[in-house]
N, C-alpha and C. Protein backbone atom coordinates (compact mmCIF):
# COMPACT_ATOMS: atom_id res chain seq x y z
N MET A 1 104.58 90.64 88.48
CA MET A 1 103.74 91.47 89.33
C MET A 1 104.47 92.78 89.60
N ARG A 2 103.71 93.83 89.52
CA ARG A 2 104.24 95.16 89.82
C ARG A 2 103.41 95.81 90.90
N THR A 3 104.09 96.55 91.77
CA THR A 3 103.38 97.35 92.75
C THR A 3 103.99 98.74 92.82
N VAL A 4 103.16 99.67 93.18
CA VAL A 4 103.58 101.01 93.56
C VAL A 4 103.15 101.16 95.02
N LEU A 5 104.14 101.40 95.88
CA LEU A 5 103.87 101.60 97.31
C LEU A 5 103.95 103.08 97.59
N GLN A 6 102.96 103.58 98.29
CA GLN A 6 103.00 104.97 98.72
C GLN A 6 102.83 104.97 100.24
N ARG A 7 103.84 105.53 100.92
CA ARG A 7 103.76 105.64 102.38
C ARG A 7 102.74 106.72 102.69
N THR A 8 101.78 106.37 103.51
CA THR A 8 100.67 107.28 103.75
C THR A 8 100.50 107.61 105.23
N SER A 9 99.95 108.79 105.46
CA SER A 9 99.46 109.10 106.80
C SER A 9 97.96 108.81 106.84
N ASN A 10 97.33 108.72 105.65
CA ASN A 10 95.95 108.23 105.50
C ASN A 10 95.69 107.96 104.03
N ALA A 11 94.81 107.00 103.77
CA ALA A 11 94.43 106.66 102.40
C ALA A 11 93.06 106.01 102.44
N SER A 12 92.33 106.19 101.34
CA SER A 12 91.01 105.55 101.25
C SER A 12 90.68 105.28 99.80
N VAL A 13 89.76 104.36 99.61
CA VAL A 13 89.24 104.06 98.28
C VAL A 13 87.72 104.07 98.37
N SER A 14 87.10 104.74 97.39
CA SER A 14 85.64 104.88 97.36
C SER A 14 85.10 104.37 96.04
N ILE A 15 83.89 103.86 96.10
CA ILE A 15 83.17 103.42 94.90
C ILE A 15 81.80 104.08 94.96
N GLY A 16 81.49 104.86 93.95
CA GLY A 16 80.19 105.53 93.91
C GLY A 16 79.93 106.41 95.11
N GLY A 17 80.97 107.04 95.63
CA GLY A 17 80.82 107.93 96.77
C GLY A 17 80.84 107.26 98.13
N LYS A 18 80.93 105.93 98.15
CA LYS A 18 80.95 105.19 99.42
C LYS A 18 82.36 104.65 99.67
N THR A 19 82.91 104.93 100.85
CA THR A 19 84.23 104.44 101.20
C THR A 19 84.16 102.94 101.46
N VAL A 20 85.02 102.18 100.75
CA VAL A 20 85.03 100.72 100.92
C VAL A 20 86.29 100.22 101.61
N GLY A 21 87.31 101.06 101.70
CA GLY A 21 88.54 100.70 102.40
C GLY A 21 89.29 101.95 102.81
N GLN A 22 89.86 101.93 104.01
CA GLN A 22 90.65 103.09 104.44
C GLN A 22 91.64 102.68 105.51
N ILE A 23 92.76 103.42 105.54
CA ILE A 23 93.79 103.19 106.54
C ILE A 23 94.32 104.54 107.01
N GLU A 24 95.01 104.51 108.11
CA GLU A 24 95.78 105.67 108.56
C GLU A 24 97.22 105.41 108.12
N ARG A 25 98.15 105.41 109.02
CA ARG A 25 99.56 105.21 108.70
C ARG A 25 99.80 103.84 108.08
N GLY A 26 100.56 103.80 107.00
CA GLY A 26 100.86 102.53 106.35
C GLY A 26 101.21 102.71 104.90
N PHE A 27 100.82 101.72 104.08
CA PHE A 27 101.08 101.75 102.64
C PHE A 27 99.78 101.64 101.86
N LEU A 28 99.64 102.50 100.87
CA LEU A 28 98.70 102.26 99.79
C LEU A 28 99.48 101.44 98.78
N VAL A 29 98.97 100.27 98.43
CA VAL A 29 99.64 99.36 97.51
C VAL A 29 98.79 99.26 96.24
N LEU A 30 99.31 99.82 95.15
CA LEU A 30 98.68 99.65 93.85
C LEU A 30 99.31 98.40 93.25
N ALA A 31 98.51 97.41 92.89
CA ALA A 31 99.03 96.11 92.47
C ALA A 31 98.52 95.73 91.09
N GLY A 32 99.49 95.41 90.20
CA GLY A 32 99.15 94.97 88.85
C GLY A 32 99.72 93.59 88.59
N PHE A 33 98.93 92.76 87.97
CA PHE A 33 99.31 91.36 87.73
C PHE A 33 99.41 91.09 86.23
N GLU A 34 100.33 90.17 85.89
CA GLU A 34 100.45 89.74 84.50
C GLU A 34 100.28 88.23 84.42
N GLU A 35 100.08 87.73 83.22
CA GLU A 35 99.78 86.31 83.01
C GLU A 35 100.84 85.39 83.59
N ALA A 36 102.10 85.79 83.60
CA ALA A 36 103.19 84.93 84.05
C ALA A 36 103.35 84.90 85.57
N ASP A 37 102.59 85.66 86.31
CA ASP A 37 102.75 85.71 87.77
C ASP A 37 102.34 84.39 88.43
N THR A 38 103.08 84.07 89.51
CA THR A 38 102.86 82.82 90.23
C THR A 38 102.70 83.10 91.73
N ALA A 39 102.39 82.05 92.47
CA ALA A 39 102.30 82.16 93.93
C ALA A 39 103.63 82.60 94.53
N GLU A 40 104.74 82.19 93.93
CA GLU A 40 106.06 82.63 94.40
C GLU A 40 106.22 84.14 94.28
N ASP A 41 105.70 84.72 93.19
CA ASP A 41 105.76 86.17 93.02
C ASP A 41 104.97 86.87 94.13
N LEU A 42 103.81 86.33 94.45
CA LEU A 42 102.98 86.94 95.49
C LEU A 42 103.67 86.90 96.84
N GLU A 43 104.27 85.77 97.16
CA GLU A 43 104.98 85.61 98.44
C GLU A 43 106.17 86.57 98.52
N TRP A 44 106.96 86.64 97.43
CA TRP A 44 108.12 87.53 97.42
C TRP A 44 107.68 88.98 97.61
N MET A 45 106.65 89.40 96.86
CA MET A 45 106.19 90.78 96.91
C MET A 45 105.66 91.12 98.30
N ALA A 46 104.86 90.26 98.87
CA ALA A 46 104.30 90.52 100.20
C ALA A 46 105.40 90.64 101.24
N ALA A 47 106.35 89.71 101.22
CA ALA A 47 107.45 89.75 102.19
C ALA A 47 108.28 91.02 102.01
N LYS A 48 108.53 91.42 100.77
CA LYS A 48 109.31 92.63 100.50
C LYS A 48 108.58 93.87 101.02
N ILE A 49 107.30 93.97 100.74
CA ILE A 49 106.50 95.11 101.19
C ILE A 49 106.54 95.23 102.72
N LEU A 50 106.34 94.12 103.40
CA LEU A 50 106.29 94.15 104.86
C LEU A 50 107.64 94.41 105.50
N ALA A 51 108.73 94.14 104.79
CA ALA A 51 110.07 94.29 105.36
C ALA A 51 110.75 95.61 104.99
N LEU A 52 110.26 96.31 103.97
CA LEU A 52 110.91 97.55 103.54
C LEU A 52 110.97 98.56 104.68
N ARG A 53 112.17 99.06 104.92
CA ARG A 53 112.38 100.00 106.01
C ARG A 53 112.35 101.43 105.47
N VAL A 54 111.14 101.98 105.37
CA VAL A 54 110.97 103.32 104.83
C VAL A 54 110.18 104.24 105.76
N PHE A 55 109.96 103.79 106.99
CA PHE A 55 109.29 104.62 107.99
C PHE A 55 110.35 105.16 108.94
N PRO A 56 110.19 106.38 109.41
CA PRO A 56 111.23 107.00 110.23
C PRO A 56 111.36 106.40 111.62
N ASP A 57 112.60 106.37 112.10
CA ASP A 57 112.88 105.99 113.49
C ASP A 57 112.90 107.26 114.34
N GLU A 58 113.37 107.15 115.58
CA GLU A 58 113.40 108.28 116.50
C GLU A 58 114.27 109.43 115.98
N GLU A 59 115.25 109.11 115.14
CA GLU A 59 116.15 110.13 114.60
C GLU A 59 115.70 110.65 113.24
N GLY A 60 114.54 110.18 112.78
CA GLY A 60 114.02 110.63 111.49
C GLY A 60 114.58 109.89 110.29
N LYS A 61 115.39 108.87 110.52
CA LYS A 61 115.96 108.08 109.42
C LYS A 61 115.00 106.96 109.04
N MET A 62 114.98 106.62 107.76
CA MET A 62 114.10 105.54 107.29
C MET A 62 114.71 104.21 107.71
N ASN A 63 114.31 103.73 108.88
CA ASN A 63 114.85 102.50 109.45
C ASN A 63 113.78 101.52 109.91
N ARG A 64 112.51 101.87 109.77
CA ARG A 64 111.45 101.01 110.28
C ARG A 64 110.54 100.53 109.15
N SER A 65 110.04 99.31 109.34
CA SER A 65 109.12 98.73 108.36
C SER A 65 107.68 99.09 108.74
N VAL A 66 106.78 98.80 107.85
CA VAL A 66 105.36 99.01 108.15
C VAL A 66 104.94 98.17 109.35
N GLN A 67 105.55 97.01 109.51
CA GLN A 67 105.28 96.16 110.68
C GLN A 67 105.80 96.81 111.96
N ASP A 68 107.00 97.40 111.88
CA ASP A 68 107.60 98.02 113.06
C ASP A 68 106.77 99.17 113.60
N VAL A 69 106.08 99.89 112.71
CA VAL A 69 105.31 101.06 113.13
C VAL A 69 103.82 100.74 113.30
N ASP A 70 103.48 99.44 113.26
CA ASP A 70 102.10 98.99 113.37
C ASP A 70 101.21 99.65 112.32
N GLY A 71 101.78 99.79 111.10
CA GLY A 71 101.04 100.39 110.00
C GLY A 71 100.09 99.39 109.36
N ARG A 72 99.23 99.90 108.50
CA ARG A 72 98.24 99.07 107.83
C ARG A 72 98.41 99.17 106.32
N LEU A 73 97.72 98.29 105.61
CA LEU A 73 97.82 98.21 104.15
C LEU A 73 96.46 98.39 103.51
N LEU A 74 96.45 99.15 102.42
CA LEU A 74 95.28 99.29 101.56
C LEU A 74 95.74 98.86 100.17
N VAL A 75 95.17 97.78 99.64
CA VAL A 75 95.59 97.23 98.35
C VAL A 75 94.50 97.50 97.31
N VAL A 76 94.93 98.09 96.19
CA VAL A 76 94.02 98.42 95.10
C VAL A 76 94.58 97.82 93.81
N SER A 77 93.76 97.06 93.10
CA SER A 77 94.21 96.47 91.83
C SER A 77 94.36 97.57 90.79
N GLN A 78 95.40 97.45 89.96
CA GLN A 78 95.65 98.47 88.95
C GLN A 78 96.37 97.86 87.75
N PHE A 79 95.59 97.39 86.79
CA PHE A 79 96.16 96.75 85.61
C PHE A 79 97.01 97.72 84.80
N THR A 80 96.78 99.02 84.95
CA THR A 80 97.51 100.00 84.15
C THR A 80 99.00 100.06 84.51
N LEU A 81 99.41 99.39 85.58
CA LEU A 81 100.84 99.32 85.90
C LEU A 81 101.61 98.54 84.83
N HIS A 82 100.89 97.78 84.01
CA HIS A 82 101.53 97.02 82.94
C HIS A 82 101.34 97.68 81.57
N ALA A 83 101.13 98.99 81.56
CA ALA A 83 100.97 99.72 80.30
C ALA A 83 102.26 99.69 79.49
N LYS A 84 102.11 99.42 78.21
CA LYS A 84 103.24 99.52 77.27
C LYS A 84 103.01 100.81 76.49
N THR A 85 104.02 101.69 76.50
CA THR A 85 103.85 103.01 75.89
C THR A 85 104.89 103.30 74.80
N LYS A 86 105.57 102.27 74.34
CA LYS A 86 106.65 102.45 73.36
C LYS A 86 106.14 103.04 72.04
N LYS A 87 105.02 102.53 71.57
CA LYS A 87 104.49 102.98 70.28
C LYS A 87 103.28 103.89 70.49
N GLY A 88 103.26 104.98 69.77
CA GLY A 88 102.09 105.85 69.76
C GLY A 88 101.81 106.51 71.10
N THR A 89 100.58 106.96 71.26
CA THR A 89 100.19 107.67 72.47
C THR A 89 99.07 106.98 73.24
N ARG A 90 98.60 105.86 72.72
CA ARG A 90 97.58 105.09 73.43
C ARG A 90 98.24 103.86 74.03
N PRO A 91 98.26 103.74 75.37
CA PRO A 91 98.92 102.59 76.00
C PRO A 91 98.27 101.27 75.61
N SER A 92 99.11 100.25 75.58
CA SER A 92 98.64 98.88 75.37
C SER A 92 98.75 98.15 76.71
N PHE A 93 97.78 97.33 76.99
CA PHE A 93 97.77 96.59 78.25
C PHE A 93 97.82 95.08 78.03
N VAL A 94 98.46 94.66 76.94
CA VAL A 94 98.49 93.25 76.56
C VAL A 94 99.20 92.39 77.60
N ARG A 95 100.12 92.96 78.39
CA ARG A 95 100.84 92.16 79.39
C ARG A 95 100.05 91.99 80.68
N ALA A 96 99.03 92.81 80.88
CA ALA A 96 98.22 92.69 82.09
C ALA A 96 97.41 91.40 82.03
N ALA A 97 97.32 90.73 83.15
CA ALA A 97 96.56 89.48 83.22
C ALA A 97 95.08 89.75 82.98
N HIS A 98 94.43 88.83 82.30
CA HIS A 98 92.98 88.90 82.11
C HIS A 98 92.31 88.64 83.45
N PRO A 99 91.11 89.16 83.65
CA PRO A 99 90.45 89.01 84.95
C PRO A 99 90.36 87.58 85.48
N ASP A 100 90.19 86.59 84.59
CA ASP A 100 90.08 85.21 85.08
C ASP A 100 91.36 84.75 85.76
N LYS A 101 92.49 85.34 85.42
CA LYS A 101 93.77 85.04 86.09
C LYS A 101 94.07 86.08 87.17
N ALA A 102 93.79 87.34 86.88
CA ALA A 102 94.16 88.43 87.79
C ALA A 102 93.34 88.43 89.08
N ILE A 103 92.06 88.13 89.01
CA ILE A 103 91.23 88.17 90.22
C ILE A 103 91.73 87.17 91.26
N PRO A 104 91.96 85.90 90.90
CA PRO A 104 92.51 84.98 91.91
C PRO A 104 93.88 85.41 92.44
N LEU A 105 94.73 85.98 91.58
CA LEU A 105 96.03 86.46 92.04
C LEU A 105 95.86 87.60 93.04
N TYR A 106 94.99 88.52 92.73
CA TYR A 106 94.71 89.65 93.62
C TYR A 106 94.20 89.17 94.98
N GLU A 107 93.23 88.28 94.95
CA GLU A 107 92.67 87.77 96.20
C GLU A 107 93.71 86.99 97.00
N GLN A 108 94.53 86.19 96.32
CA GLN A 108 95.57 85.43 97.00
C GLN A 108 96.64 86.37 97.58
N PHE A 109 96.97 87.43 96.85
CA PHE A 109 97.95 88.41 97.33
C PHE A 109 97.47 89.05 98.64
N VAL A 110 96.23 89.44 98.68
CA VAL A 110 95.66 90.02 99.90
C VAL A 110 95.73 89.01 101.05
N GLN A 111 95.42 87.75 100.77
CA GLN A 111 95.49 86.71 101.81
C GLN A 111 96.91 86.51 102.30
N VAL A 112 97.89 86.53 101.40
CA VAL A 112 99.29 86.38 101.79
C VAL A 112 99.71 87.54 102.69
N LEU A 113 99.34 88.76 102.32
CA LEU A 113 99.66 89.92 103.15
C LEU A 113 99.02 89.81 104.53
N GLU A 114 97.78 89.35 104.58
CA GLU A 114 97.11 89.19 105.88
C GLU A 114 97.81 88.12 106.73
N ARG A 115 98.18 87.02 106.09
CA ARG A 115 98.85 85.94 106.82
C ARG A 115 100.20 86.40 107.37
N LEU A 116 100.98 87.07 106.54
CA LEU A 116 102.31 87.49 106.95
C LEU A 116 102.29 88.66 107.93
N SER A 117 101.32 89.54 107.79
CA SER A 117 101.28 90.73 108.66
C SER A 117 100.51 90.49 109.95
N GLY A 118 99.58 89.55 109.92
CA GLY A 118 98.73 89.32 111.09
C GLY A 118 97.63 90.35 111.24
N HIS A 119 97.39 91.15 110.19
CA HIS A 119 96.37 92.19 110.23
C HIS A 119 95.45 92.07 109.01
N GLN A 120 94.22 92.55 109.18
CA GLN A 120 93.31 92.64 108.04
C GLN A 120 93.86 93.66 107.06
N VAL A 121 93.76 93.35 105.78
CA VAL A 121 94.19 94.25 104.72
C VAL A 121 92.94 94.88 104.11
N GLU A 122 92.94 96.19 104.02
CA GLU A 122 91.84 96.90 103.38
C GLU A 122 92.03 96.81 101.86
N THR A 123 90.93 96.83 101.13
CA THR A 123 91.01 96.69 99.67
C THR A 123 89.99 97.58 98.98
N GLY A 124 90.21 97.71 97.68
CA GLY A 124 89.22 98.27 96.80
C GLY A 124 88.39 97.10 96.28
N GLU A 125 87.83 97.26 95.09
CA GLU A 125 87.04 96.19 94.47
C GLU A 125 87.56 95.98 93.05
N PHE A 126 88.05 94.79 92.78
CA PHE A 126 88.68 94.48 91.50
C PHE A 126 87.75 94.84 90.34
N GLY A 127 88.31 95.52 89.32
CA GLY A 127 87.59 95.79 88.09
C GLY A 127 86.53 96.86 88.17
N THR A 128 86.50 97.59 89.27
CA THR A 128 85.48 98.62 89.47
C THR A 128 86.12 100.00 89.34
N ASP A 129 85.35 100.96 88.88
CA ASP A 129 85.81 102.35 88.83
C ASP A 129 85.89 102.86 90.26
N MET A 130 87.12 103.15 90.71
CA MET A 130 87.35 103.55 92.10
C MET A 130 87.98 104.92 92.15
N GLN A 131 87.76 105.61 93.25
CA GLN A 131 88.43 106.86 93.52
C GLN A 131 89.34 106.62 94.72
N VAL A 132 90.63 106.88 94.52
CA VAL A 132 91.62 106.63 95.56
C VAL A 132 92.15 107.97 96.05
N SER A 133 92.15 108.14 97.36
CA SER A 133 92.66 109.36 97.98
C SER A 133 93.75 108.99 98.96
N LEU A 134 94.77 109.84 99.05
CA LEU A 134 95.81 109.58 100.03
C LEU A 134 96.57 110.84 100.35
N THR A 135 97.19 110.81 101.50
CA THR A 135 98.21 111.79 101.84
C THR A 135 99.52 111.02 101.81
N ASN A 136 100.31 111.27 100.78
CA ASN A 136 101.59 110.59 100.61
C ASN A 136 102.57 111.21 101.58
N ASP A 137 102.96 110.46 102.58
CA ASP A 137 103.82 110.93 103.66
C ASP A 137 105.27 110.91 103.22
N GLY A 138 105.88 112.07 103.15
CA GLY A 138 107.29 112.16 102.80
C GLY A 138 107.56 113.18 101.70
N PRO A 139 107.14 112.99 100.50
CA PRO A 139 106.50 111.81 99.94
C PRO A 139 107.48 110.65 99.75
N VAL A 140 106.96 109.45 99.97
CA VAL A 140 107.73 108.23 99.72
C VAL A 140 106.91 107.36 98.79
N THR A 141 107.47 107.06 97.63
CA THR A 141 106.83 106.19 96.64
C THR A 141 107.89 105.22 96.13
N ILE A 142 107.58 103.92 96.19
CA ILE A 142 108.52 102.86 95.81
C ILE A 142 107.88 101.98 94.74
N LEU A 143 108.64 101.68 93.68
CA LEU A 143 108.18 100.76 92.64
C LEU A 143 108.83 99.41 92.86
N LEU A 144 108.06 98.33 92.82
CA LEU A 144 108.59 96.98 92.94
C LEU A 144 108.06 96.14 91.78
N ASP A 145 108.92 95.26 91.26
CA ASP A 145 108.55 94.40 90.15
C ASP A 145 109.19 93.05 90.35
N THR A 146 108.39 91.99 90.38
CA THR A 146 108.94 90.66 90.62
C THR A 146 109.79 90.17 89.45
N LYS A 147 109.65 90.78 88.29
CA LYS A 147 110.47 90.38 87.14
C LYS A 147 111.74 91.20 87.02
N ASN A 148 111.90 92.18 87.89
CA ASN A 148 113.07 93.06 87.88
C ASN A 148 113.37 93.44 89.34
N LYS A 149 113.93 92.52 90.08
CA LYS A 149 114.13 92.67 91.53
C LYS A 149 115.37 93.50 91.84
N GLU A 150 115.28 94.78 91.60
CA GLU A 150 116.42 95.68 91.86
C GLU A 150 116.40 96.17 93.29
């Protein structure tokens, strides 16, 4: 599982001109799943996202988590995070999970985040053409990968 976290002062996702999810301060989480992902990967990723201290404290240092600042989460599925670009100029997405595997993983990931955070998680709609808008605060952008836990 791979995620791109963007610390936001606001973010939203729209489908066909209608806003389906939006947050103020928090994280926009772009989430990509692969066939090998498990419930353990979802738990690890959710706990890591909620614990990352990338929000400023009183002194302006990144010492607070999204939980500490009462931030919210907007999760958008993004299979393109598993693009392979080694050969040619057209990405391959063979490592991305097929929808029959990815949809349950996506839904379970959102549930894990809600359980651990105690807050409703805003979402896009899996497999739909979406428009995502955000104000990246900082900017702060973090890449996380359950297969490469650096």
